[in-house]
Amino acid sequence: MISFLKKNKVNNIEDESIKDKSKFVVVGFTVMIFSFLIFVVSEIYTSISLSKQDLAIAGSGDIEKKTNKALLDMAVAGKNVNEAEYAFIKEVMKFMSPAEFQNFKNSISGMANQFNVQINSLNEGKSEPLGKEYSYILY
């Protein structure tokens, strides 16, 4: 009986070079497909974000020019205010006595404090005549 079992026994030699690796192929292919999909989705998202950014930049092209113009206008207005203030004080000094000028300074200091404005200095000087251009103006 032992010989009978031995004769029916088939000598199968397993070839180790040809193993079933289909599980690894399926897992690897699935990982590759997901990686490719993530790459494509991230590229699409990036391109959409860049196009939105380009539209925002293109839409705001004039803002820098407008801002620079506004700053220049504000600087010119500030210069004009300073010149007008100086001319006003110069003219006020021409027709006020020193006591009147001191009263004037005190009165505008109160108004300035009321509106949170600080007057750094009002310089008193020698009065000057109004000149020809102001001599014909009647108030």
C-alpha atoms as a PDB file:
ATOM      1  CA  MET A   1       0.000   0.000   0.000  1.00  0.00           C
ATOM      2  CA  ILE A   2       2.777   2.352   0.605  1.00  0.00           C
ATOM      3  CA  SER A   3       4.080   1.813  -2.835  1.00  0.00           C
ATOM      4  CA  PHE A   4       0.671   2.494  -4.269  1.00  0.00           C
ATOM      5  CA  LEU A   5       0.588   5.857  -2.527  1.00  0.00           C
ATOM      6  CA  LYS A   6       4.022   6.635  -3.694  1.00  0.00           C
ATOM      7  CA  LYS A   7       3.194   5.902  -7.299  1.00  0.00           C
ATOM      8  CA  ASN A   8       0.124   8.085  -7.333  1.00  0.00           C
ATOM      9  CA  LYS A   9       1.967  10.928  -5.697  1.00  0.00           C
ATOM     10  CA  VAL A  10       2.806  13.467  -8.284  1.00  0.00           C
ATOM     11  CA  ASN A  11       6.095  15.189  -7.927  1.00  0.00           C
ATOM     12  CA  ASN A  12       5.087  18.796  -8.242  1.00  0.00           C
ATOM     13  CA  ILE A  13       7.916  21.210  -8.033  1.00  0.00           C
ATOM     14  CA  GLU A  14       6.743  24.675  -7.292  1.00  0.00           C
ATOM     15  CA  ASP A  15       8.366  27.301  -9.471  1.00  0.00           C
ATOM     16  CA  GLU A  16       9.064  30.169  -7.124  1.00  0.00           C
ATOM     17  CA  SER A  17       9.665  32.650  -9.923  1.00  0.00           C
ATOM     18  CA  ILE A  18       6.036  32.505 -10.996  1.00  0.00           C
ATOM     19  CA  LYS A  19       4.082  33.315  -7.859  1.00  0.00           C
ATOM     20  CA  ASP A  20       0.658  34.858  -7.932  1.00  0.00           C
ATOM     21  CA  LYS A  21       1.325  38.573  -7.406  1.00  0.00           C
ATOM     22  CA  SER A  22      -1.968  39.850  -8.726  1.00  0.00           C
ATOM     23  CA  LYS A  23      -2.846  41.414  -5.333  1.00  0.00           C
ATOM     24  CA  PHE A  24       0.274  43.572  -5.458  1.00  0.00           C
ATOM     25  CA  VAL A  25      -0.422  44.571  -9.050  1.00  0.00           C
ATOM     26  CA  VAL A  26      -3.989  45.599  -8.224  1.00  0.00           C
ATOM     27  CA  VAL A  27      -2.896  47.572  -5.146  1.00  0.00           C
ATOM     28  CA  GLY A  28      -0.056  49.247  -7.045  1.00  0.00           C
ATOM     29  CA  PHE A  29      -2.295  50.112  -9.988  1.00  0.00           C
ATOM     30  CA  THR A  30      -4.943  51.530  -7.631  1.00  0.00           C
ATOM     31  CA  VAL A  31      -2.347  53.676  -5.845  1.00  0.00           C
ATOM     32  CA  MET A  32      -1.046  54.891  -9.210  1.00  0.00           C
ATOM     33  CA  ILE A  33      -4.564  55.809 -10.406  1.00  0.00           C
ATOM     34  CA  PHE A  34      -5.343  57.688  -7.158  1.00  0.00           C
ATOM     35  CA  SER A  35      -2.005  59.516  -7.340  1.00  0.00           C
ATOM     36  CA  PHE A  36      -2.710  60.516 -10.928  1.00  0.00           C
ATOM     37  CA  LEU A  37      -6.213  61.732 -10.040  1.00  0.00           C
ATOM     38  CA  ILE A  38      -4.893  63.751  -7.078  1.00  0.00           C
ATOM     39  CA  PHE A  39      -2.256  65.278  -9.357  1.00  0.00           C
ATOM     40  CA  VAL A  40      -4.829  66.218 -12.026  1.00  0.00           C
ATOM     41  CA  VAL A  41      -7.232  67.708  -9.460  1.00  0.00           C
ATOM     42  CA  SER A  42      -4.451  69.740  -7.818  1.00  0.00           C
ATOM     43  CA  GLU A  43      -3.307  71.058 -11.214  1.00  0.00           C
ATOM     44  CA  ILE A  44      -6.858  72.115 -12.098  1.00  0.00           C
ATOM     45  CA  TYR A  45      -7.308  73.808  -8.706  1.00  0.00           C
ATOM     46  CA  THR A  46      -3.972  75.613  -9.069  1.00  0.00           C
ATOM     47  CA  SER A  47      -4.775  76.858 -12.563  1.00  0.00           C
ATOM     48  CA  ILE A  48      -8.209  78.116 -11.442  1.00  0.00           C
ATOM     49  CA  SER A  49      -6.619  79.913  -8.473  1.00  0.00           C
ATOM     50  CA  LEU A  50      -3.991  81.510 -10.703  1.00  0.00           C
ATOM     51  CA  SER A  51      -6.584  82.696 -13.205  1.00  0.00           C
ATOM     52  CA  LYS A  52      -8.640  84.273 -10.399  1.00  0.00           C
ATOM     53  CA  GLN A  53      -5.506  85.951  -9.089  1.00  0.00           C
ATOM     54  CA  ASP A  54      -4.633  87.248 -12.572  1.00  0.00           C
ATOM     55  CA  LEU A  55      -8.158  88.680 -12.925  1.00  0.00           C
ATOM     56  CA  ALA A  56      -7.871  90.395  -9.539  1.00  0.00           C
ATOM     57  CA  ILE A  57      -4.488  91.876 -10.443  1.00  0.00           C
ATOM     58  CA  ALA A  58      -5.719  93.003 -13.855  1.00  0.00           C
ATOM     59  CA  GLY A  59      -8.781  94.623 -12.261  1.00  0.00           C
ATOM     60  CA  SER A  60      -6.682  96.599  -9.817  1.00  0.00           C
ATOM     61  CA  GLY A  61      -4.158  97.980 -12.282  1.00  0.00           C
ATOM     62  CA  ASP A  62      -5.331 101.585 -11.963  1.00  0.00           C
ATOM     63  CA  ILE A  63      -5.493 101.558  -8.175  1.00  0.00           C
ATOM     64  CA  GLU A  64      -1.804 102.322  -7.747  1.00  0.00           C
ATOM     65  CA  LYS A  65      -2.009 105.276 -10.158  1.00  0.00           C
ATOM     66  CA  LYS A  66      -5.148 106.593  -8.457  1.00  0.00           C
ATOM     67  CA  THR A  67      -3.554 106.223  -5.021  1.00  0.00           C
ATOM     68  CA  ASN A  68      -0.414 108.048  -6.098  1.00  0.00           C
ATOM     69  CA  LYS A  69      -2.518 110.829  -7.620  1.00  0.00           C
ATOM     70  CA  ALA A  70      -4.586 111.109  -4.427  1.00  0.00           C
ATOM     71  CA  LEU A  71      -1.418 111.309  -2.318  1.00  0.00           C
ATOM     72  CA  LEU A  72      -0.020 114.036  -4.565  1.00  0.00           C
ATOM     73  CA  ASP A  73      -3.315 115.937  -4.394  1.00  0.00           C
ATOM     74  CA  MET A  74      -3.279 115.664  -0.599  1.00  0.00           C
ATOM     75  CA  ALA A  75       0.312 116.919  -0.481  1.00  0.00           C
ATOM     76  CA  VAL A  76      -0.566 119.873  -2.732  1.00  0.00           C
ATOM     77  CA  ALA A  77      -3.631 120.656  -0.620  1.00  0.00           C
ATOM     78  CA  GLY A  78      -1.532 120.505   2.564  1.00  0.00           C
ATOM     79  CA  LYS A  79       1.045 122.831   1.036  1.00  0.00           C
ATOM     80  CA  ASN A  80      -1.703 125.231  -0.057  1.00  0.00           C
ATOM     81  CA  VAL A  81      -3.236 125.179   3.428  1.00  0.00           C
ATOM     82  CA  ASN A  82       0.135 125.937   5.012  1.00  0.00           C
ATOM     83  CA  GLU A  83       0.747 128.800   2.592  1.00  0.00           C
ATOM     84  CA  ALA A  84      -2.762 130.201   3.133  1.00  0.00           C
ATOM     85  CA  GLU A  85      -2.395 129.922   6.895  1.00  0.00           C
ATOM     86  CA  TYR A  86       0.912 131.742   6.777  1.00  0.00           C
ATOM     87  CA  ALA A  87      -0.551 134.455   4.538  1.00  0.00           C
ATOM     88  CA  PHE A  88      -3.586 134.783   6.815  1.00  0.00           C
ATOM     89  CA  ILE A  89      -1.484 135.173   9.940  1.00  0.00           C
ATOM     90  CA  LYS A  90       0.773 137.607   8.130  1.00  0.00           C
ATOM     91  CA  GLU A  91      -2.228 139.704   7.119  1.00  0.00           C
ATOM     92  CA  VAL A  92      -3.818 139.479  10.565  1.00  0.00           C
ATOM     93  CA  MET A  93      -0.603 140.775  12.056  1.00  0.00           C
ATOM     94  CA  LYS A  94      -0.846 143.820   9.810  1.00  0.00           C
ATOM     95  CA  PHE A  95      -4.076 145.093  11.329  1.00  0.00           C
ATOM     96  CA  MET A  96      -3.994 143.764  14.928  1.00  0.00           C
ATOM     97  CA  SER A  97      -2.145 145.124  17.866  1.00  0.00           C
ATOM     98  CA  PRO A  98      -0.033 142.680  19.912  1.00  0.00           C
ATOM     99  CA  ALA A  99      -2.740 142.519  22.587  1.00  0.00           C
ATOM    100  CA  GLU A 100      -5.412 141.810  19.977  1.00  0.00           C
ATOM    101  CA  PHE A 101      -3.196 139.172  18.426  1.00  0.00           C
ATOM    102  CA  GLN A 102      -2.717 137.509  21.807  1.00  0.00           C
ATOM    103  CA  ASN A 103      -6.494 137.485  22.307  1.00  0.00           C
ATOM    104  CA  PHE A 104      -6.873 136.039  18.819  1.00  0.00           C
ATOM    105  CA  LYS A 105      -4.345 133.275  19.585  1.00  0.00           C
ATOM    106  CA  ASN A 106      -6.167 132.471  22.816  1.00  0.00           C
ATOM    107  CA  SER A 107      -9.530 132.298  21.047  1.00  0.00           C
ATOM    108  CA  ILE A 108      -8.337 130.006  18.258  1.00  0.00           C
ATOM    109  CA  SER A 109      -6.491 127.833  20.780  1.00  0.00           C
ATOM    110  CA  GLY A 110      -9.804 127.167  22.515  1.00  0.00           C
ATOM    111  CA  MET A 111     -11.469 126.314  19.212  1.00  0.00           C
ATOM    112  CA  ALA A 112      -8.507 124.147  18.239  1.00  0.00           C
ATOM    113  CA  ASN A 113      -8.745 122.181  21.491  1.00  0.00           C
ATOM    114  CA  GLN A 114     -12.459 121.717  20.920  1.00  0.00           C
ATOM    115  CA  PHE A 115     -11.747 120.076  17.550  1.00  0.00           C
ATOM    116  CA  ASN A 116      -8.626 118.189  18.737  1.00  0.00           C
ATOM    117  CA  VAL A 117      -6.259 120.360  16.705  1.00  0.00           C
ATOM    118  CA  GLN A 118      -2.898 121.347  18.095  1.00  0.00           C
ATOM    119  CA  ILE A 119      -1.375 124.717  17.217  1.00  0.00           C
ATOM    120  CA  ASN A 120       2.374 124.393  17.495  1.00  0.00           C
ATOM    121  CA  SER A 121       3.272 128.023  16.981  1.00  0.00           C
ATOM    122  CA  LEU A 122       1.963 131.382  15.875  1.00  0.00           C
ATOM    123  CA  ASN A 123       4.836 133.712  15.330  1.00  0.00           C
ATOM    124  CA  GLU A 124       4.442 137.371  16.117  1.00  0.00           C
ATOM    125  CA  GLY A 125       6.391 139.766  13.998  1.00  0.00           C
ATOM    126  CA  LYS A 126       6.612 143.298  12.806  1.00  0.00           C
ATOM    127  CA  SER A 127       3.464 144.410  11.014  1.00  0.00           C
ATOM    128  CA  GLU A 128       3.737 145.174   7.345  1.00  0.00           C
ATOM    129  CA  PRO A 129       1.525 147.410   5.208  1.00  0.00           C
ATOM    130  CA  LEU A 130      -1.150 145.713   3.142  1.00  0.00           C
ATOM    131  CA  GLY A 131       0.192 146.961  -0.169  1.00  0.00           C
ATOM    132  CA  LYS A 132      -1.568 148.109  -3.314  1.00  0.00           C
ATOM    133  CA  GLU A 133      -3.446 144.884  -4.070  1.00  0.00           C
ATOM    134  CA  TYR A 134      -5.415 145.014  -0.793  1.00  0.00           C
ATOM    135  CA  SER A 135      -5.924 148.746  -0.545  1.00  0.00           C
ATOM    136  CA  TYR A 136      -9.022 148.799  -2.794  1.00  0.00           C
ATOM    137  CA  ILE A 137     -10.846 145.840  -1.277  1.00  0.00           C
ATOM    138  CA  LEU A 138     -13.765 146.829   0.929  1.00  0.00           C
ATOM    139  CA  TYR A 139     -15.252 144.387   3.390  1.00  0.00           C
END
